[in-house]
PDB file of N, CA and C in Angstrom:
ATOM      1  N   UNK A   1      23.007   3.212   7.012  1.00  0.00           N
ATOM      2  CA  UNK A   1      21.492   2.401   6.931  1.00  0.00           C
ATOM      3  C   UNK A   1      20.896   1.426   7.689  1.00  0.00           C
ATOM      4  N   UNK A   2      20.102   1.099   8.207  1.00  0.00           N
ATOM      5  CA  UNK A   2      18.890   0.331   9.058  1.00  0.00           C
ATOM      6  C   UNK A   2      18.323  -0.981   8.839  1.00  0.00           C
ATOM      7  N   UNK A   3      19.145  -2.084   9.156  1.00  0.00           N
ATOM      8  CA  UNK A   3      18.733  -3.494   8.536  1.00  0.00           C
ATOM      9  C   UNK A   3      17.686  -3.573   7.869  1.00  0.00           C
ATOM     10  N   UNK A   4      17.022  -4.248   7.088  1.00  0.00           N
ATOM     11  CA  UNK A   4      15.676  -4.413   6.493  1.00  0.00           C
ATOM     12  C   UNK A   4      15.327  -5.246   7.186  1.00  0.00           C
ATOM     13  N   UNK A   5      13.478  -5.181   7.663  1.00  0.00           N
ATOM     14  CA  UNK A   5      12.841  -5.511   8.681  1.00  0.00           C
ATOM     15  C   UNK A   5      11.757  -6.169   7.565  1.00  0.00           C
ATOM     16  N   UNK A   6      11.079  -7.359   8.240  1.00  0.00           N
ATOM     17  CA  UNK A   6       9.833  -7.853   7.996  1.00  0.00           C
ATOM     18  C   UNK A   6       8.379  -7.671   8.220  1.00  0.00           C
ATOM     19  N   UNK A   7       7.759  -7.064   7.507  1.00  0.00           N
ATOM     20  CA  UNK A   7       6.664  -6.227   7.519  1.00  0.00           C
ATOM     21  C   UNK A   7       5.194  -6.801   7.928  1.00  0.00           C
ATOM     22  N   UNK A   8       4.721  -6.112   8.875  1.00  0.00           N
ATOM     23  CA  UNK A   8       3.781  -7.118  10.425  1.00  0.00           C
ATOM     24  C   UNK A   8       2.429  -7.073   9.807  1.00  0.00           C
ATOM     25  N   UNK A   9       2.421  -5.401   9.345  1.00  0.00           N
ATOM     26  CA  UNK A   9       0.643  -4.460   9.463  1.00  0.00           C
ATOM     27  C   UNK A   9       1.402  -2.965   9.087  1.00  0.00           C
ATOM     28  N   UNK A  10       0.927  -2.321   7.910  1.00  0.00           N
ATOM     29  CA  UNK A  10       0.054  -1.228   8.082  1.00  0.00           C
ATOM     30  C   UNK A  10      -0.427  -0.404   8.299  1.00  0.00           C
ATOM     31  N   UNK A  11      -0.808   0.682   8.836  1.00  0.00           N
ATOM     32  CA  UNK A  11      -1.897   1.541   9.460  1.00  0.00           C
ATOM     33  C   UNK A  11      -1.574   3.029   9.233  1.00  0.00           C
ATOM     34  N   UNK A  12      -2.374   3.696   8.358  1.00  0.00           N
ATOM     35  CA  UNK A  12      -2.842   4.642   7.796  1.00  0.00           C
ATOM     36  C   UNK A  12      -4.180   5.660   8.357  1.00  0.00           C
ATOM     37  N   UNK A  13      -3.889   7.009   7.897  1.00  0.00           N
ATOM     38  CA  UNK A  13      -4.710   8.084   8.633  1.00  0.00           C
ATOM     39  C   UNK A  13      -4.204   9.371   8.637  1.00  0.00           C
ATOM     40  N   UNK A  14      -5.701   9.740   7.835  1.00  0.00           N
ATOM     41  CA  UNK A  14      -5.923  11.169   7.764  1.00  0.00           C
ATOM     42  C   UNK A  14      -5.945  12.587   8.749  1.00  0.00           C
ATOM     43  N   UNK A  15      -4.865  12.733   9.292  1.00  0.00           N
ATOM     44  CA  UNK A  15      -4.674  13.962  10.653  1.00  0.00           C
ATOM     45  C   UNK A  15      -4.453  15.714   9.794  1.00  0.00           C
ATOM     46  N   UNK A  16      -5.675  16.387  10.040  1.00  0.00           N
ATOM     47  CA  UNK A  16      -5.518  17.481   9.643  1.00  0.00           C
ATOM     48  C   UNK A  16      -4.979  18.377   8.311  1.00  0.00           C
ATOM     49  N   UNK A  17      -5.178  17.730   7.225  1.00  0.00           N
ATOM     50  CA  UNK A  17      -5.182  17.285   6.183  1.00  0.00           C
ATOM     51  C   UNK A  17      -3.856  16.529   5.566  1.00  0.00           C
ATOM     52  N   UNK A  18      -3.369  16.088   6.403  1.00  0.00           N
ATOM     53  CA  UNK A  18      -2.025  14.726   6.217  1.00  0.00           C
ATOM     54  C   UNK A  18      -2.398  13.534   6.445  1.00  0.00           C
ATOM     55  N   UNK A  19      -0.981  13.015   5.150  1.00  0.00           N
ATOM     56  CA  UNK A  19      -1.436  11.112   5.869  1.00  0.00           C
ATOM     57  C   UNK A  19      -0.711  10.772   6.622  1.00  0.00           C
ATOM     58  N   UNK A  20      -0.304  10.179   7.934  1.00  0.00           N
ATOM     59  CA  UNK A  20      -0.173   9.755   8.572  1.00  0.00           C
ATOM     60  C   UNK A  20       0.366   7.541   8.038  1.00  0.00           C
ATOM     61  N   UNK A  21       1.863   8.089   7.902  1.00  0.00           N
ATOM     62  CA  UNK A  21       1.664   6.313   7.478  1.00  0.00           C
ATOM     63  C   UNK A  21       2.463   5.891   8.929  1.00  0.00           C
ATOM     64  N   UNK A  22       2.123   4.225   8.698  1.00  0.00           N
ATOM     65  CA  UNK A  22       2.637   3.731  10.584  1.00  0.00           C
ATOM     66  C   UNK A  22       3.074   2.224   9.586  1.00  0.00           C
ATOM     67  N   UNK A  23       4.268   1.680   9.873  1.00  0.00           N
ATOM     68  CA  UNK A  23       4.680   0.484   9.058  1.00  0.00           C
ATOM     69  C   UNK A  23       5.000   0.145  10.638  1.00  0.00           C
ATOM     70  N   UNK A  24       4.608  -1.549  10.479  1.00  0.00           N
ATOM     71  CA  UNK A  24       5.237  -2.114  11.616  1.00  0.00           C
ATOM     72  C   UNK A  24       5.833  -3.241  11.785  1.00  0.00           C
ATOM     73  N   UNK A  25       7.017  -3.586  11.854  1.00  0.00           N
ATOM     74  CA  UNK A  25       8.067  -4.690  11.780  1.00  0.00           C
ATOM     75  C   UNK A  25       6.896  -5.807  12.350  1.00  0.00           C
ATOM     76  N   UNK A  26       7.542  -7.184  11.884  1.00  0.00           N
ATOM     77  CA  UNK A  26       7.448  -8.017  12.819  1.00  0.00           C
ATOM     78  C   UNK A  26       7.430  -8.329  14.272  1.00  0.00           C
ATOM     79  N   UNK A  27       8.940  -7.821  14.572  1.00  0.00           N
ATOM     80  CA  UNK A  27       9.377  -7.099  15.604  1.00  0.00           C
ATOM     81  C   UNK A  27       9.059  -6.551  16.387  1.00  0.00           C
ATOM     82  N   UNK A  28       7.770  -5.632  16.245  1.00  0.00           N
ATOM     83  CA  UNK A  28       7.115  -4.665  16.904  1.00  0.00           C
ATOM     84  C   UNK A  28       7.684  -2.971  17.079  1.00  0.00           C
ATOM     85  N   UNK A  29       8.895  -3.252  16.344  1.00  0.00           N
ATOM     86  CA  UNK A  29       8.834  -1.858  16.163  1.00  0.00           C
ATOM     87  C   UNK A  29       8.191  -1.192  14.480  1.00  0.00           C
ATOM     88  N   UNK A  30       8.260   0.068  15.158  1.00  0.00           N
ATOM     89  CA  UNK A  30       7.321   0.628  14.269  1.00  0.00           C
ATOM     90  C   UNK A  30       7.601   2.478  14.238  1.00  0.00           C
ATOM     91  N   UNK A  31       7.745   2.846  12.359  1.00  0.00           N
ATOM     92  CA  UNK A  31       7.875   3.640  11.986  1.00  0.00           C
ATOM     93  C   UNK A  31       6.843   4.234  11.570  1.00  0.00           C
ATOM     94  N   UNK A  32       7.110   6.008  11.661  1.00  0.00           N
ATOM     95  CA  UNK A  32       5.933   6.668  11.151  1.00  0.00           C
ATOM     96  C   UNK A  32       6.610   7.864   9.762  1.00  0.00           C
ATOM     97  N   UNK A  33       5.370   8.149   8.975  1.00  0.00           N
ATOM     98  CA  UNK A  33       6.097   9.140   8.096  1.00  0.00           C
ATOM     99  C   UNK A  33       4.483  10.246   8.184  1.00  0.00           C
ATOM    100  N   UNK A  34       4.579  10.807   7.247  1.00  0.00           N
ATOM    101  CA  UNK A  34       3.545  12.225   7.315  1.00  0.00           C
ATOM    102  C   UNK A  34       3.728  12.499   5.244  1.00  0.00           C
ATOM    103  N   UNK A  35       2.506  11.989   4.816  1.00  0.00           N
ATOM    104  CA  UNK A  35       2.868  12.431   3.225  1.00  0.00           C
ATOM    105  C   UNK A  35       2.002  12.889   2.666  1.00  0.00           C
ATOM    106  N   UNK A  36       1.808  13.797   1.640  1.00  0.00           N
ATOM    107  CA  UNK A  36       1.031  14.532   1.410  1.00  0.00           C
ATOM    108  C   UNK A  36      -0.110  13.847   0.553  1.00  0.00           C
ATOM    109  N   UNK A  37      -1.223  14.506  -0.528  1.00  0.00           N
ATOM    110  CA  UNK A  37      -1.707  13.220  -1.326  1.00  0.00           C
ATOM    111  C   UNK A  37      -1.231  13.075  -2.295  1.00  0.00           C
ATOM    112  N   UNK A  38       0.254  13.779  -2.966  1.00  0.00           N
ATOM    113  CA  UNK A  38       0.056  13.452  -4.125  1.00  0.00           C
ATOM    114  C   UNK A  38       1.307  12.181  -3.810  1.00  0.00           C
ATOM    115  N   UNK A  39       1.912  12.755  -2.946  1.00  0.00           N
ATOM    116  CA  UNK A  39       3.297  11.375  -2.411  1.00  0.00           C
ATOM    117  C   UNK A  39       2.129   9.467  -1.896  1.00  0.00           C
ATOM    118  N   UNK A  40       1.534   9.966  -1.377  1.00  0.00           N
ATOM    119  CA  UNK A  40       0.487   8.897  -1.421  1.00  0.00           C
ATOM    120  C   UNK A  40      -0.044   8.543  -3.027  1.00  0.00           C
ATOM    121  N   UNK A  41      -0.431   9.072  -3.103  1.00  0.00           N
ATOM    122  CA  UNK A  41      -1.010   8.795  -5.059  1.00  0.00           C
ATOM    123  C   UNK A  41       0.070   8.089  -5.663  1.00  0.00           C
ATOM    124  N   UNK A  42       1.577   8.703  -5.843  1.00  0.00           N
ATOM    125  CA  UNK A  42       2.821   8.099  -6.383  1.00  0.00           C
ATOM    126  C   UNK A  42       3.000   7.170  -5.165  1.00  0.00           C
ATOM    127  N   UNK A  43       2.636   6.924  -4.074  1.00  0.00           N
ATOM    128  CA  UNK A  43       2.795   5.760  -3.349  1.00  0.00           C
ATOM    129  C   UNK A  43       1.934   4.377  -4.083  1.00  0.00           C
ATOM    130  N   UNK A  44       0.921   4.486  -3.979  1.00  0.00           N
ATOM    131  CA  UNK A  44      -0.299   3.541  -5.090  1.00  0.00           C
ATOM    132  C   UNK A  44       0.437   3.540  -6.511  1.00  0.00           C
ATOM    133  N   UNK A  45       1.016   4.246  -7.095  1.00  0.00           N
ATOM    134  CA  UNK A  45       1.677   3.694  -8.746  1.00  0.00           C
ATOM    135  C   UNK A  45       2.644   2.890  -8.697  1.00  0.00           C
ATOM    136  N   UNK A  46       3.836   3.098  -8.016  1.00  0.00           N
ATOM    137  CA  UNK A  46       4.937   2.581  -6.971  1.00  0.00           C
ATOM    138  C   UNK A  46       3.950   1.141  -7.487  1.00  0.00           C
ATOM    139  N   UNK A  47       3.747   1.372  -6.572  1.00  0.00           N
ATOM    140  CA  UNK A  47       3.034  -0.253  -5.262  1.00  0.00           C
ATOM    141  C   UNK A  47       2.158  -1.072  -6.743  1.00  0.00           C
ATOM    142  N   UNK A  48       1.132  -0.741  -7.577  1.00  0.00           N
ATOM    143  CA  UNK A  48       0.904  -1.214  -8.418  1.00  0.00           C
ATOM    144  C   UNK A  48       1.376  -1.693  -9.595  1.00  0.00           C
ATOM    145  N   UNK A  49       2.954  -1.084  -9.749  1.00  0.00           N
ATOM    146  CA  UNK A  49       3.949  -0.682 -11.216  1.00  0.00           C
ATOM    147  C   UNK A  49       4.380  -2.414 -10.031  1.00  0.00           C
ATOM    148  N   UNK A  50       4.663  -2.847  -9.217  1.00  0.00           N
ATOM    149  CA  UNK A  50       5.676  -3.320  -8.359  1.00  0.00           C
ATOM    150  C   UNK A  50       4.947  -4.955  -9.044  1.00  0.00           C
ATOM    151  N   UNK A  51       3.559  -4.352  -8.435  1.00  0.00           N
ATOM    152  CA  UNK A  51       2.874  -6.095  -8.320  1.00  0.00           C
ATOM    153  C   UNK A  51       2.226  -6.809  -9.324  1.00  0.00           C
ATOM    154  N   UNK A  52       1.999  -5.476 -10.824  1.00  0.00           N
ATOM    155  CA  UNK A  52       1.762  -5.737 -12.380  1.00  0.00           C
ATOM    156  C   UNK A  52       0.369  -5.809 -11.715  1.00  0.00           C
ATOM    157  N   UNK A  53      -0.487  -5.507 -11.053  1.00  0.00           N
ATOM    158  CA  UNK A  53      -1.308  -5.301 -11.349  1.00  0.00           C
ATOM    159  C   UNK A  53      -2.352  -5.158 -12.383  1.00  0.00           C
ATOM    160  N   UNK A  54      -2.912  -5.559 -13.031  1.00  0.00           N
ATOM    161  CA  UNK A  54      -3.912  -5.846 -14.448  1.00  0.00           C
ATOM    162  C   UNK A  54      -4.744  -6.567 -14.355  1.00  0.00           C
ATOM    163  N   UNK A  55      -6.021  -4.771 -14.490  1.00  0.00           N
ATOM    164  CA  UNK A  55      -7.148  -5.506 -13.909  1.00  0.00           C
ATOM    165  C   UNK A  55      -8.383  -6.106 -15.442  1.00  0.00           C
ATOM    166  N   UNK A  56      -7.375  -6.127 -16.037  1.00  0.00           N
ATOM    167  CA  UNK A  56      -8.238  -6.711 -17.255  1.00  0.00           C
ATOM    168  C   UNK A  56      -7.382  -8.279 -17.462  1.00  0.00           C
ATOM    169  N   UNK A  57      -6.968  -9.017 -16.254  1.00  0.00           N
ATOM    170  CA  UNK A  57      -6.749  -9.922 -16.134  1.00  0.00           C
ATOM    171  C   UNK A  57      -8.233 -10.631 -15.425  1.00  0.00           C
ATOM    172  N   UNK A  58      -8.270 -11.802 -15.246  1.00  0.00           N
ATOM    173  CA  UNK A  58      -9.638 -12.694 -14.515  1.00  0.00           C
ATOM    174  C   UNK A  58      -8.736 -13.163 -13.461  1.00  0.00           C
ATOM    175  N   UNK A  59      -9.903 -13.181 -12.525  1.00  0.00           N
ATOM    176  CA  UNK A  59      -8.809 -13.330 -11.155  1.00  0.00           C
ATOM    177  C   UNK A  59      -9.603 -14.847 -11.167  1.00  0.00           C
ATOM    178  N   UNK A  60      -8.029 -16.102 -10.687  1.00  0.00           N
ATOM    179  CA  UNK A  60      -8.227 -17.174 -10.893  1.00  0.00           C
ATOM    180  C   UNK A  60      -9.491 -17.794  -9.975  1.00  0.00           C
ATOM    181  N   UNK A  61      -9.657 -17.255  -8.744  1.00  0.00           N
ATOM    182  CA  UNK A  61     -10.586 -17.640  -7.586  1.00  0.00           C
ATOM    183  C   UNK A  61     -12.043 -17.904  -8.036  1.00  0.00           C
ATOM    184  N   UNK A  62     -12.152 -16.124  -8.255  1.00  0.00           N
ATOM    185  CA  UNK A  62     -13.385 -15.746  -9.068  1.00  0.00           C
ATOM    186  C   UNK A  62     -14.590 -16.567 -10.516  1.00  0.00           C
ATOM    187  N   UNK A  63     -12.927 -16.215 -11.105  1.00  0.00           N
ATOM    188  CA  UNK A  63     -13.217 -16.144 -12.385  1.00  0.00           C
ATOM    189  C   UNK A  63     -13.813 -15.284 -13.306  1.00  0.00           C
ATOM    190  N   UNK A  64     -13.525 -14.375 -12.705  1.00  0.00           N
ATOM    191  CA  UNK A  64     -14.337 -12.653 -13.157  1.00  0.00           C
ATOM    192  C   UNK A  64     -13.674 -11.372 -12.823  1.00  0.00           C
ATOM    193  N   UNK A  65     -13.390 -10.563 -13.766  1.00  0.00           N
ATOM    194  CA  UNK A  65     -12.455  -9.275 -14.377  1.00  0.00           C
ATOM    195  C   UNK A  65     -12.773  -8.719 -12.433  1.00  0.00           C
ATOM    196  N   UNK A  66     -12.109  -8.899 -11.546  1.00  0.00           N
ATOM    197  CA  UNK A  66     -11.596  -7.794 -10.181  1.00  0.00           C
ATOM    198  C   UNK A  66     -12.745  -6.626 -10.176  1.00  0.00           C
ATOM    199  N   UNK A  67     -12.202  -5.464 -11.132  1.00  0.00           N
ATOM    200  CA  UNK A  67     -13.096  -3.872 -11.922  1.00  0.00           C
ATOM    201  C   UNK A  67     -13.797  -3.854 -12.869  1.00  0.00           C
ATOM    202  N   UNK A  68     -14.949  -3.611 -13.085  1.00  0.00           N
ATOM    203  CA  UNK A  68     -15.605  -3.344 -14.240  1.00  0.00           C
ATOM    204  C   UNK A  68     -16.068  -4.066 -14.929  1.00  0.00           C
ATOM    205  N   UNK A  69     -16.519  -5.477 -13.786  1.00  0.00           N
ATOM    206  CA  UNK A  69     -17.314  -6.218 -14.785  1.00  0.00           C
ATOM    207  C   UNK A  69     -19.159  -6.236 -15.530  1.00  0.00           C
ATOM    208  N   UNK A  70     -18.730  -6.851 -16.594  1.00  0.00           N
ATOM    209  CA  UNK A  70     -19.584  -6.474 -17.237  1.00  0.00           C
ATOM    210  C   UNK A  70     -21.092  -8.082 -17.532  1.00  0.00           C
TER     211      UNK A  70
END
């Protein structure tokens, strides 16, 4: 397995119905993958769970809800 690298940026694109994800490390190395829509949706769910995104909590900076402001 290759060593873990620090992420610099993520680029995304849709090409012929596939999603292309490009991950770039701080040292300039890139890694590209193709993903289906279902795989991208699974990734979004995993990232939401990782950061603990709770849309019912108020944003400390704006003092309002991020989504569904009333």
